N, C-alpha and C. Protein backbone atom coordinates (compact mmCIF):
# COMPACT_ATOMS: atom_id res chain seq x y z
N UNK A 1 6.53 -4.76 -27.60
CA UNK A 1 5.17 -4.99 -27.01
C UNK A 1 5.17 -6.42 -26.89
N UNK A 2 4.57 -7.06 -25.79
CA UNK A 2 4.16 -8.44 -25.64
C UNK A 2 3.06 -8.95 -26.35
N UNK A 3 3.18 -10.19 -27.07
CA UNK A 3 2.08 -10.70 -27.49
C UNK A 3 1.06 -10.88 -26.26
N UNK A 4 -0.32 -10.92 -26.66
CA UNK A 4 -1.14 -10.93 -25.45
C UNK A 4 -2.19 -11.86 -25.61
N UNK A 5 -2.24 -12.74 -24.55
CA UNK A 5 -3.36 -13.67 -24.13
C UNK A 5 -3.64 -13.02 -22.84
N UNK A 6 -4.77 -12.95 -22.39
CA UNK A 6 -5.46 -12.39 -21.31
C UNK A 6 -4.50 -13.14 -20.07
N UNK A 7 -3.99 -12.24 -19.22
CA UNK A 7 -3.37 -12.71 -18.03
C UNK A 7 -3.93 -12.30 -16.63
N UNK A 8 -3.54 -13.08 -15.62
CA UNK A 8 -4.09 -12.81 -14.25
C UNK A 8 -2.57 -12.24 -13.62
N UNK A 9 -2.66 -10.96 -13.29
CA UNK A 9 -1.33 -10.55 -12.54
C UNK A 9 -1.78 -10.43 -11.02
N UNK A 10 -0.89 -10.68 -10.16
CA UNK A 10 -1.11 -10.57 -8.77
C UNK A 10 -0.24 -9.35 -8.21
N UNK A 11 -0.74 -8.87 -7.15
CA UNK A 11 -0.08 -7.78 -6.37
C UNK A 11 -0.14 -8.02 -4.78
N UNK A 12 0.96 -8.28 -4.23
CA UNK A 12 1.08 -8.38 -2.88
C UNK A 12 1.80 -7.29 -2.19
N UNK A 13 1.19 -6.94 -0.98
CA UNK A 13 1.95 -6.03 -0.35
C UNK A 13 1.68 -6.14 1.26
N UNK A 14 2.85 -5.81 1.93
CA UNK A 14 2.78 -5.62 3.49
C UNK A 14 3.36 -4.39 3.74
N UNK A 15 3.17 -3.92 5.15
CA UNK A 15 3.59 -2.64 5.49
C UNK A 15 5.10 -2.66 5.83
N UNK A 16 5.65 -3.58 6.40
CA UNK A 16 7.03 -3.79 7.01
C UNK A 16 7.75 -4.83 6.45
N UNK A 17 9.19 -4.89 6.47
CA UNK A 17 9.87 -6.10 6.34
C UNK A 17 9.62 -7.26 7.32
N UNK A 18 9.13 -6.71 8.53
CA UNK A 18 8.84 -7.68 9.56
C UNK A 18 7.76 -8.61 9.19
N UNK A 19 7.00 -8.29 8.08
CA UNK A 19 5.74 -9.10 7.73
C UNK A 19 6.07 -9.98 6.58
N UNK A 20 7.34 -10.65 6.55
CA UNK A 20 7.69 -11.35 5.36
C UNK A 20 6.79 -12.67 5.14
N UNK A 21 6.50 -13.15 6.32
CA UNK A 21 5.54 -14.58 6.33
C UNK A 21 4.24 -14.17 5.61
N UNK A 22 3.78 -12.78 5.92
CA UNK A 22 2.60 -12.55 5.42
C UNK A 22 2.55 -12.09 3.84
N UNK A 23 3.69 -11.56 3.45
CA UNK A 23 3.97 -11.43 2.09
C UNK A 23 4.14 -12.76 1.31
N UNK A 24 4.74 -13.64 1.88
CA UNK A 24 4.94 -15.03 1.36
C UNK A 24 3.52 -15.70 1.22
N UNK A 25 2.74 -15.54 2.12
CA UNK A 25 1.56 -16.22 2.13
C UNK A 25 0.59 -15.63 1.00
N UNK A 26 0.72 -14.27 0.83
CA UNK A 26 -0.14 -13.63 -0.22
C UNK A 26 0.38 -14.20 -1.66
N UNK A 27 1.65 -14.08 -1.92
CA UNK A 27 2.27 -14.66 -3.10
C UNK A 27 1.78 -15.89 -3.33
N UNK A 28 1.72 -16.92 -2.40
CA UNK A 28 1.35 -18.20 -2.52
C UNK A 28 -0.04 -18.42 -2.84
N UNK A 29 -0.95 -17.56 -2.29
CA UNK A 29 -2.45 -17.45 -2.63
C UNK A 29 -2.70 -16.96 -4.14
N UNK A 30 -2.00 -16.03 -4.41
CA UNK A 30 -2.00 -15.49 -5.77
C UNK A 30 -1.51 -16.45 -6.92
N UNK A 31 -0.49 -17.07 -6.57
CA UNK A 31 0.14 -18.21 -7.54
C UNK A 31 -1.08 -19.20 -7.61
N UNK A 32 -1.56 -19.72 -6.54
CA UNK A 32 -2.70 -20.56 -6.57
C UNK A 32 -3.74 -20.29 -7.24
N UNK A 33 -4.03 -19.02 -7.37
CA UNK A 33 -5.33 -18.72 -8.26
C UNK A 33 -4.78 -18.34 -9.87
N UNK A 34 -3.56 -18.94 -10.04
CA UNK A 34 -3.27 -18.74 -11.56
C UNK A 34 -2.67 -17.53 -11.98
N UNK A 35 -1.99 -16.70 -11.04
CA UNK A 35 -1.49 -15.45 -11.56
C UNK A 35 -0.08 -15.83 -12.27
N UNK A 36 -0.03 -15.22 -13.36
CA UNK A 36 1.26 -15.42 -14.18
C UNK A 36 2.39 -14.85 -13.68
N UNK A 37 2.09 -13.67 -13.10
CA UNK A 37 3.17 -12.91 -12.49
C UNK A 37 2.71 -12.06 -11.36
N UNK A 38 3.55 -12.10 -10.23
CA UNK A 38 3.17 -11.37 -9.00
C UNK A 38 4.05 -10.25 -8.80
N UNK A 39 3.63 -9.05 -8.51
CA UNK A 39 4.38 -7.93 -8.19
C UNK A 39 4.17 -7.81 -6.75
N UNK A 40 5.41 -7.65 -6.05
CA UNK A 40 5.43 -7.53 -4.45
C UNK A 40 6.17 -6.21 -3.93
N UNK A 41 5.61 -5.76 -2.94
CA UNK A 41 6.52 -4.79 -2.19
C UNK A 41 6.05 -4.83 -0.74
N UNK A 42 7.17 -4.14 0.08
CA UNK A 42 6.90 -3.80 1.49
C UNK A 42 7.03 -2.53 1.63
N UNK A 43 5.86 -1.91 1.65
CA UNK A 43 5.74 -0.11 1.99
C UNK A 43 4.26 -0.27 2.66
N UNK A 44 4.16 0.87 3.33
CA UNK A 44 2.89 1.20 3.97
C UNK A 44 1.78 1.71 2.92
N UNK A 45 0.63 1.23 3.13
CA UNK A 45 -0.32 1.66 2.26
C UNK A 45 -0.73 3.01 2.11
N UNK A 46 -0.27 3.67 3.29
CA UNK A 46 -0.39 5.26 3.33
C UNK A 46 0.55 5.87 2.23
N UNK A 47 1.62 5.16 1.88
CA UNK A 47 2.58 5.87 0.96
C UNK A 47 1.87 6.04 -0.35
N UNK A 48 1.98 7.34 -0.75
CA UNK A 48 1.33 7.59 -2.19
C UNK A 48 2.27 7.01 -3.35
N UNK A 49 3.49 6.64 -3.22
CA UNK A 49 4.20 6.10 -4.36
C UNK A 49 4.68 4.63 -3.98
N UNK A 50 3.98 3.74 -4.93
CA UNK A 50 4.14 2.44 -4.50
C UNK A 50 4.62 1.94 -5.93
N UNK A 51 5.94 1.87 -6.28
CA UNK A 51 6.36 1.42 -7.55
C UNK A 51 5.99 0.13 -8.02
N UNK A 52 5.75 -0.92 -7.44
CA UNK A 52 5.47 -2.21 -7.57
C UNK A 52 3.92 -2.34 -8.14
N UNK A 53 3.02 -1.52 -7.44
CA UNK A 53 1.68 -1.39 -7.85
C UNK A 53 1.58 -0.64 -9.21
N UNK A 54 2.33 0.46 -9.07
CA UNK A 54 2.38 1.21 -10.44
C UNK A 54 2.76 0.31 -11.68
N UNK A 55 3.78 -0.45 -11.53
CA UNK A 55 4.31 -1.36 -12.46
C UNK A 55 3.42 -2.42 -12.87
N UNK A 56 2.54 -2.98 -11.88
CA UNK A 56 1.45 -4.00 -12.13
C UNK A 56 0.49 -3.36 -13.20
N UNK A 57 -0.17 -2.07 -12.84
CA UNK A 57 -1.00 -1.38 -13.55
C UNK A 57 -0.54 -1.24 -14.80
N UNK A 58 0.65 -0.70 -15.04
CA UNK A 58 1.18 -0.27 -16.30
C UNK A 58 1.16 -1.61 -17.06
N UNK A 59 1.49 -2.75 -16.56
CA UNK A 59 1.78 -3.90 -17.08
C UNK A 59 0.55 -4.46 -17.66
N UNK A 60 -0.85 -4.02 -17.01
CA UNK A 60 -1.90 -4.80 -17.50
C UNK A 60 -2.40 -4.32 -18.88
N UNK A 61 -2.80 -5.26 -19.67
CA UNK A 61 -3.29 -5.23 -21.05
C UNK A 61 -4.82 -5.46 -21.11
N UNK A 62 -5.63 -4.93 -22.14
CA UNK A 62 -6.87 -5.32 -22.22
C UNK A 62 -7.17 -6.67 -22.11
N UNK A 63 -8.07 -6.96 -21.20
CA UNK A 63 -8.55 -8.50 -20.96
C UNK A 63 -7.96 -8.99 -19.65
N UNK A 64 -6.96 -8.43 -19.19
CA UNK A 64 -6.00 -8.83 -17.98
C UNK A 64 -6.92 -8.66 -16.83
N UNK A 65 -6.53 -9.32 -15.84
CA UNK A 65 -7.13 -9.16 -14.35
C UNK A 65 -6.03 -8.84 -13.31
N UNK A 66 -6.17 -7.86 -12.46
CA UNK A 66 -5.32 -7.57 -11.40
C UNK A 66 -5.93 -8.30 -10.39
N UNK A 67 -5.10 -9.22 -9.50
CA UNK A 67 -5.76 -9.98 -8.45
C UNK A 67 -5.01 -9.68 -7.11
N UNK A 68 -5.64 -9.32 -5.96
CA UNK A 68 -5.17 -8.91 -4.79
C UNK A 68 -5.86 -9.96 -3.60
N UNK A 69 -5.16 -10.16 -2.58
CA UNK A 69 -5.77 -10.92 -1.80
C UNK A 69 -6.82 -10.21 -0.89
N UNK A 70 -6.68 -9.06 -0.21
CA UNK A 70 -7.79 -8.27 0.40
C UNK A 70 -7.67 -6.69 -0.25
N UNK A 71 -8.85 -6.25 -0.04
CA UNK A 71 -8.78 -4.66 -0.67
C UNK A 71 -7.82 -3.80 0.07
N UNK A 72 -7.46 -4.06 1.45
CA UNK A 72 -6.38 -3.16 2.14
C UNK A 72 -4.92 -3.21 1.76
N UNK A 73 -4.82 -4.38 0.73
CA UNK A 73 -3.47 -4.49 0.15
C UNK A 73 -3.29 -3.43 -0.89
N UNK A 74 -4.44 -3.12 -1.56
CA UNK A 74 -4.58 -2.32 -2.56
C UNK A 74 -4.72 -0.61 -2.15
N UNK A 75 -5.61 -0.38 -1.26
CA UNK A 75 -6.04 0.88 -0.77
C UNK A 75 -6.38 1.04 0.40
N UNK A 76 -6.27 2.18 0.96
CA UNK A 76 -6.61 2.35 2.44
C UNK A 76 -7.82 3.22 2.76
N UNK A 77 -8.57 3.68 1.69
CA UNK A 77 -9.84 4.24 1.93
C UNK A 77 -10.74 3.95 0.65
N UNK A 78 -12.11 4.21 0.83
CA UNK A 78 -13.01 3.92 -0.23
C UNK A 78 -12.46 4.69 -1.54
N UNK A 79 -12.32 6.02 -1.33
CA UNK A 79 -11.98 6.77 -2.47
C UNK A 79 -10.70 6.07 -3.30
N UNK A 80 -9.75 5.82 -2.52
CA UNK A 80 -8.63 5.12 -3.24
C UNK A 80 -8.86 3.84 -3.95
N UNK A 81 -9.66 3.08 -3.25
CA UNK A 81 -10.03 1.61 -3.89
C UNK A 81 -10.90 1.97 -5.09
N UNK A 82 -11.68 2.81 -4.92
CA UNK A 82 -12.54 3.06 -6.11
C UNK A 82 -11.90 3.85 -7.52
N UNK A 83 -10.80 4.59 -6.87
CA UNK A 83 -9.93 5.28 -7.85
C UNK A 83 -9.15 4.01 -8.64
N UNK A 84 -8.45 3.15 -8.01
CA UNK A 84 -7.80 2.08 -8.43
C UNK A 84 -8.89 1.18 -9.53
N UNK A 85 -9.97 1.01 -8.87
CA UNK A 85 -11.01 0.24 -9.79
C UNK A 85 -11.03 0.94 -11.25
N UNK A 86 -11.46 2.15 -11.13
CA UNK A 86 -11.46 3.07 -12.30
C UNK A 86 -10.38 2.97 -13.14
N UNK A 87 -9.19 3.07 -12.52
CA UNK A 87 -8.03 3.12 -13.72
C UNK A 87 -7.77 1.77 -14.30
N UNK A 88 -8.17 0.56 -13.46
CA UNK A 88 -8.01 -0.69 -14.06
C UNK A 88 -9.01 -1.05 -15.15
N UNK A 89 -10.36 -0.49 -14.93
CA UNK A 89 -11.53 -0.56 -15.88
C UNK A 89 -11.20 0.29 -17.03
N UNK A 90 -10.46 1.55 -17.01
CA UNK A 90 -10.18 2.24 -18.10
C UNK A 90 -9.04 1.50 -18.98
N UNK A 91 -8.48 0.66 -18.55
CA UNK A 91 -7.63 -0.11 -19.29
C UNK A 91 -8.15 -1.35 -19.99
N UNK A 92 -9.58 -1.63 -19.50
CA UNK A 92 -10.25 -2.56 -20.32
C UNK A 92 -9.89 -3.97 -19.40
N UNK A 93 -9.49 -3.69 -18.17
CA UNK A 93 -9.09 -4.83 -17.39
C UNK A 93 -10.39 -4.86 -16.10
N UNK A 94 -10.01 -6.03 -15.29
CA UNK A 94 -10.83 -6.23 -14.32
C UNK A 94 -10.12 -6.32 -12.79
N UNK A 95 -10.56 -6.13 -11.81
CA UNK A 95 -9.87 -6.33 -10.44
C UNK A 95 -10.62 -7.69 -9.96
N UNK A 96 -9.82 -8.44 -9.25
CA UNK A 96 -10.17 -9.58 -8.54
C UNK A 96 -9.65 -9.68 -7.13
N UNK A 97 -10.52 -9.70 -6.09
CA UNK A 97 -10.14 -9.62 -4.68
C UNK A 97 -10.44 -10.99 -4.20
N UNK A 98 -9.39 -11.78 -3.74
CA UNK A 98 -9.76 -12.97 -3.06
C UNK A 98 -9.83 -12.47 -1.29
N UNK A 99 -11.05 -12.64 -0.96
CA UNK A 99 -11.15 -12.43 0.42
C UNK A 99 -12.51 -12.88 1.11
N UNK A 100 -12.85 -12.64 2.20
CA UNK A 100 -14.12 -12.91 2.61
C UNK A 100 -14.44 -14.43 2.77
N UNK A 101 -13.44 -15.11 3.42
CA UNK A 101 -13.77 -16.62 3.69
C UNK A 101 -13.77 -17.36 2.37
N UNK A 102 -13.07 -17.00 1.37
CA UNK A 102 -13.04 -17.86 0.21
C UNK A 102 -13.91 -17.36 -0.92
N UNK A 103 -14.70 -16.21 -0.63
CA UNK A 103 -15.47 -15.70 -1.64
C UNK A 103 -14.68 -14.62 -2.47
N UNK A 104 -14.70 -14.76 -3.77
CA UNK A 104 -14.09 -13.93 -4.62
C UNK A 104 -14.81 -12.77 -5.15
N UNK A 105 -14.37 -11.57 -5.18
CA UNK A 105 -15.08 -10.50 -5.51
C UNK A 105 -14.29 -10.16 -6.84
N UNK A 106 -15.16 -9.99 -8.00
CA UNK A 106 -14.64 -9.78 -9.32
C UNK A 106 -15.38 -8.57 -10.01
N UNK A 107 -14.74 -7.64 -10.47
CA UNK A 107 -15.40 -6.29 -10.88
C UNK A 107 -16.25 -6.59 -12.18
N UNK A 108 -16.37 -7.76 -12.64
CA UNK A 108 -17.09 -8.05 -13.87
C UNK A 108 -18.49 -8.36 -13.33
N UNK A 109 -18.76 -8.55 -12.04
CA UNK A 109 -19.97 -8.91 -11.62
C UNK A 109 -20.73 -7.82 -10.83
N UNK A 110 -22.01 -7.25 -11.15
CA UNK A 110 -22.64 -6.09 -10.48
C UNK A 110 -22.73 -6.37 -9.00
N UNK A 111 -22.86 -7.67 -8.50
CA UNK A 111 -23.01 -7.82 -7.13
C UNK A 111 -21.60 -7.73 -6.35
N UNK A 112 -20.41 -8.10 -7.01
CA UNK A 112 -19.17 -8.01 -6.59
C UNK A 112 -18.78 -6.50 -6.55
N UNK A 113 -19.21 -5.64 -7.54
CA UNK A 113 -19.08 -4.15 -7.44
C UNK A 113 -19.67 -3.77 -6.24
N UNK A 114 -20.91 -3.99 -6.05
CA UNK A 114 -21.61 -3.49 -4.72
C UNK A 114 -20.88 -4.02 -3.47
N UNK A 115 -20.59 -5.18 -3.35
CA UNK A 115 -19.88 -5.65 -2.16
C UNK A 115 -18.49 -4.92 -2.14
N UNK A 116 -17.86 -4.82 -3.20
CA UNK A 116 -16.46 -4.11 -2.83
C UNK A 116 -16.69 -2.74 -2.39
N UNK A 117 -17.64 -2.05 -2.99
CA UNK A 117 -17.97 -0.71 -2.34
C UNK A 117 -18.23 -0.64 -0.77
N UNK A 118 -19.05 -1.45 -0.49
CA UNK A 118 -19.61 -1.86 0.94
C UNK A 118 -18.36 -2.13 1.83
N UNK A 119 -17.52 -3.22 1.31
CA UNK A 119 -16.32 -3.73 1.99
C UNK A 119 -15.47 -2.37 2.27
N UNK A 120 -15.25 -1.76 1.28
CA UNK A 120 -14.22 -0.56 1.30
C UNK A 120 -14.72 0.52 2.45
N UNK A 121 -15.96 0.84 2.40
CA UNK A 121 -16.52 1.61 3.28
C UNK A 121 -16.52 1.39 4.69
N UNK A 122 -16.87 -0.08 4.88
CA UNK A 122 -16.62 -0.69 6.29
C UNK A 122 -15.18 -0.55 6.69
N UNK A 123 -14.21 -0.86 5.98
CA UNK A 123 -12.74 -0.85 6.40
C UNK A 123 -12.43 0.60 6.67
N UNK A 124 -12.73 1.60 5.90
CA UNK A 124 -12.65 3.00 6.24
C UNK A 124 -13.11 3.40 7.39
N UNK A 125 -14.31 2.97 7.72
CA UNK A 125 -15.23 3.33 8.85
C UNK A 125 -14.37 2.69 10.20
N UNK A 126 -14.05 1.40 10.15
CA UNK A 126 -13.34 0.97 11.02
C UNK A 126 -11.69 1.63 11.56
N UNK A 127 -11.12 2.05 10.42
CA UNK A 127 -9.86 2.84 10.50
C UNK A 127 -10.14 4.16 11.19
N UNK A 128 -11.23 4.74 10.83
CA UNK A 128 -11.57 6.17 11.35
C UNK A 128 -11.90 5.79 12.91
N UNK A 129 -12.75 4.98 13.24
CA UNK A 129 -12.88 4.45 14.73
C UNK A 129 -11.66 4.26 15.38
N UNK A 130 -10.78 3.49 14.73
CA UNK A 130 -9.57 3.18 15.45
C UNK A 130 -8.80 4.40 15.66
N UNK A 131 -8.73 5.39 14.73
CA UNK A 131 -7.87 6.73 14.84
C UNK A 131 -8.56 7.65 15.95
N UNK A 132 -9.88 7.57 15.94
CA UNK A 132 -10.58 8.38 17.06
C UNK A 132 -10.29 7.83 18.40
N UNK A 133 -10.32 6.41 18.58
CA UNK A 133 -9.88 5.95 19.89
C UNK A 133 -8.57 6.07 20.13
N UNK A 134 -7.57 6.33 19.20
CA UNK A 134 -6.17 6.54 19.55
C UNK A 134 -6.00 7.90 19.98
N UNK A 135 -6.66 9.07 19.30
CA UNK A 135 -6.83 10.31 19.64
C UNK A 135 -7.38 10.62 21.01
N UNK A 136 -8.28 9.79 21.36
CA UNK A 136 -8.97 9.85 22.80
C UNK A 136 -8.06 9.40 23.81
N UNK A 137 -7.34 8.34 23.51
CA UNK A 137 -6.19 7.67 24.36
C UNK A 137 -5.24 8.81 24.52
N UNK A 138 -4.69 9.39 23.60
CA UNK A 138 -3.60 10.59 23.74
C UNK A 138 -4.02 11.73 24.51
N UNK A 139 -5.16 12.12 24.26
CA UNK A 139 -5.90 13.27 24.95
C UNK A 139 -5.81 13.03 26.32
N UNK A 140 -6.31 11.62 26.82
CA UNK A 140 -6.50 11.22 28.10
C UNK A 140 -5.08 11.11 28.86
N UNK A 141 -4.21 10.64 28.17
CA UNK A 141 -2.73 10.45 28.77
C UNK A 141 -2.18 11.94 28.88
N UNK A 142 -2.30 12.71 28.02
CA UNK A 142 -1.89 14.19 28.10
C UNK A 142 -2.60 14.76 29.46
N UNK A 143 -3.77 14.66 29.67
CA UNK A 143 -4.57 15.32 30.77
C UNK A 143 -4.09 14.64 31.95
N UNK A 144 -3.66 13.29 31.94
CA UNK A 144 -3.04 12.80 33.34
C UNK A 144 -1.59 12.89 33.17
N UNK A 145 -0.86 13.66 32.36
CA UNK A 145 0.49 13.91 32.56
C UNK A 145 1.28 12.80 32.21
N UNK A 146 0.90 11.71 31.38
CA UNK A 146 1.55 10.51 31.31
C UNK A 146 1.96 10.41 29.84
N UNK A 147 1.72 11.35 28.96
CA UNK A 147 2.04 11.24 27.51
C UNK A 147 3.27 12.12 27.14
N UNK A 148 4.29 11.31 26.64
CA UNK A 148 5.60 11.84 26.26
C UNK A 148 5.51 11.86 24.59
N UNK A 149 5.61 13.16 24.01
CA UNK A 149 5.65 13.29 22.56
C UNK A 149 6.93 12.61 22.02
N UNK A 150 6.66 11.83 21.00
CA UNK A 150 7.76 11.23 20.34
C UNK A 150 8.41 12.12 19.56
N UNK A 151 9.86 12.30 19.62
CA UNK A 151 10.64 13.12 18.77
C UNK A 151 10.76 12.30 17.39
N UNK A 152 10.57 13.23 16.29
CA UNK A 152 10.67 12.76 15.01
C UNK A 152 12.30 12.77 14.47
N UNK A 153 12.89 11.45 14.68
CA UNK A 153 14.37 11.34 14.61
C UNK A 153 14.76 11.75 13.20
N UNK A 154 14.02 11.49 12.22
CA UNK A 154 14.61 11.78 10.90
C UNK A 154 14.31 13.33 10.54
N UNK A 155 13.19 13.76 10.99
CA UNK A 155 12.93 15.34 10.65
C UNK A 155 13.94 16.01 11.51
N UNK A 156 14.50 15.72 12.74
CA UNK A 156 15.39 16.45 13.43
C UNK A 156 16.73 16.38 12.83
N UNK A 157 16.79 15.50 11.83
CA UNK A 157 18.20 15.24 11.00
C UNK A 157 18.10 15.84 9.68
N UNK A 158 16.93 16.45 9.34
CA UNK A 158 16.70 16.89 7.95
C UNK A 158 17.73 17.70 7.33
N UNK A 159 18.26 18.50 8.09
CA UNK A 159 19.47 19.48 7.48
C UNK A 159 20.66 18.66 7.20
N UNK A 160 20.98 17.58 8.04
CA UNK A 160 22.05 16.66 7.88
C UNK A 160 21.89 15.65 6.52
N UNK A 161 20.76 15.37 6.44
CA UNK A 161 20.15 14.48 5.24
C UNK A 161 20.40 15.62 3.91
N UNK A 162 19.97 16.63 3.96
CA UNK A 162 20.19 17.55 2.78
C UNK A 162 21.58 17.91 2.56
N UNK A 163 22.26 18.04 3.65
CA UNK A 163 23.82 18.27 3.46
C UNK A 163 24.46 16.96 2.78
N UNK A 164 24.30 15.82 3.32
CA UNK A 164 24.87 14.78 2.80
C UNK A 164 24.24 14.26 1.45
N UNK A 165 23.12 14.79 0.94
CA UNK A 165 22.61 14.37 -0.36
C UNK A 165 23.31 15.55 -1.18
N UNK A 166 23.49 16.81 -0.82
CA UNK A 166 24.25 17.72 -1.71
C UNK A 166 25.61 17.32 -1.91
N UNK A 167 26.13 16.68 -1.04
CA UNK A 167 27.57 16.01 -1.09
C UNK A 167 27.58 14.79 -2.11
N UNK A 168 26.37 14.49 -2.53
CA UNK A 168 26.41 13.24 -3.41
C UNK A 168 26.04 12.03 -2.83
N UNK A 169 25.73 11.94 -1.56
CA UNK A 169 25.35 10.83 -0.93
C UNK A 169 24.07 10.05 -1.49
N UNK A 170 23.92 8.83 -1.61
CA UNK A 170 22.58 8.21 -2.16
C UNK A 170 21.76 8.00 -0.91
N UNK A 171 20.43 8.02 -1.12
CA UNK A 171 19.48 7.77 -0.01
C UNK A 171 19.87 6.63 0.78
N UNK A 172 20.12 5.47 0.34
CA UNK A 172 20.61 4.42 0.99
C UNK A 172 21.81 4.69 1.85
N UNK A 173 22.81 5.26 1.35
CA UNK A 173 24.05 5.55 2.11
C UNK A 173 23.70 6.58 3.20
N UNK A 174 22.92 7.57 3.14
CA UNK A 174 22.58 8.44 4.02
C UNK A 174 21.69 7.75 5.22
N UNK A 175 20.69 6.91 4.67
CA UNK A 175 19.94 5.97 5.68
C UNK A 175 20.81 5.44 6.65
N UNK A 176 21.82 4.51 6.04
CA UNK A 176 22.88 3.77 6.85
C UNK A 176 23.41 4.64 7.88
N UNK A 177 24.11 5.72 7.37
CA UNK A 177 25.02 6.65 7.94
C UNK A 177 24.38 7.25 9.18
N UNK A 178 23.06 7.63 9.06
CA UNK A 178 22.28 8.34 10.06
C UNK A 178 21.32 7.41 10.90
N UNK A 179 21.26 6.06 10.41
CA UNK A 179 20.67 5.22 11.21
C UNK A 179 19.08 5.42 11.20
N UNK A 180 18.42 5.93 9.97
CA UNK A 180 17.10 6.12 9.61
C UNK A 180 16.73 5.38 8.62
N UNK A 181 15.41 5.33 8.17
CA UNK A 181 14.83 4.63 7.13
C UNK A 181 15.07 5.38 5.72
N UNK A 182 15.17 4.60 4.57
CA UNK A 182 15.40 5.36 3.37
C UNK A 182 14.15 6.28 3.07
N UNK A 183 12.96 5.86 3.36
CA UNK A 183 11.71 6.43 3.02
C UNK A 183 11.73 7.75 3.80
N UNK A 184 12.52 7.74 5.04
CA UNK A 184 12.64 9.13 5.96
C UNK A 184 13.53 10.01 5.20
N UNK A 185 14.62 9.41 4.56
CA UNK A 185 15.69 10.17 3.72
C UNK A 185 14.81 11.00 2.60
N UNK A 186 13.94 10.18 1.94
CA UNK A 186 13.21 10.93 0.75
C UNK A 186 12.29 11.80 1.21
N UNK A 187 11.68 11.57 2.43
CA UNK A 187 10.78 12.62 3.01
C UNK A 187 11.46 13.94 3.54
N UNK A 188 12.58 13.69 3.89
CA UNK A 188 13.40 14.86 4.22
C UNK A 188 13.89 15.68 3.20
N UNK A 189 14.06 14.76 1.93
CA UNK A 189 14.44 15.51 0.65
C UNK A 189 13.18 15.96 -0.09
N UNK A 190 11.95 15.73 0.41
CA UNK A 190 10.81 16.41 -0.23
C UNK A 190 10.41 15.53 -1.43
N UNK A 191 10.81 14.14 -1.46
CA UNK A 191 10.44 13.34 -2.45
C UNK A 191 9.34 12.35 -2.33
N UNK A 192 8.97 12.39 -0.93
CA UNK A 192 7.71 11.43 -0.50
C UNK A 192 6.64 12.35 0.29
N UNK A 193 5.48 12.20 0.10
CA UNK A 193 4.55 13.13 0.93
C UNK A 193 4.48 12.74 2.46
N UNK A 194 4.56 13.75 3.28
CA UNK A 194 4.82 13.51 4.67
C UNK A 194 3.47 12.95 5.13
């Protein structure tokens, strides 16, 4: 067990490997805020298993603070965000979000707690509106006969993925061999929520 002086731990996330500059910028900002250690990963916020986020939360000790650049780096919905805040508070720790033009939100402050809930609600609302517009666009394209459904490459290869896994192939090897992502391999094996 480590000796404990309160630490600031950072968590940085981008959705894809194409966003390396965004990840580097988050790490830079977190280090500038005095984070002793920064946990990073490149995975969609919709993925339920985020190993580095879990590692960061597990590493927290009473008095520590978890620091993220924006609320959407941590959670995709109000419920998820508030659940993370609850988990962090239960460990006797705080959440700090560096966002909104330099204003910092810190869960030790009642005003920040209120703003955090409002920001999360607005972000969820905006995402719902975007998805609604997307559905409307797809419906219009279908009605006009211009919409082509995308085949799910990985799912069409699910049997092959399972066969290769049964033969002892690792997820990385299977992904390379079939030309699909490793997350898709896990999904085909039932190890990631669809």
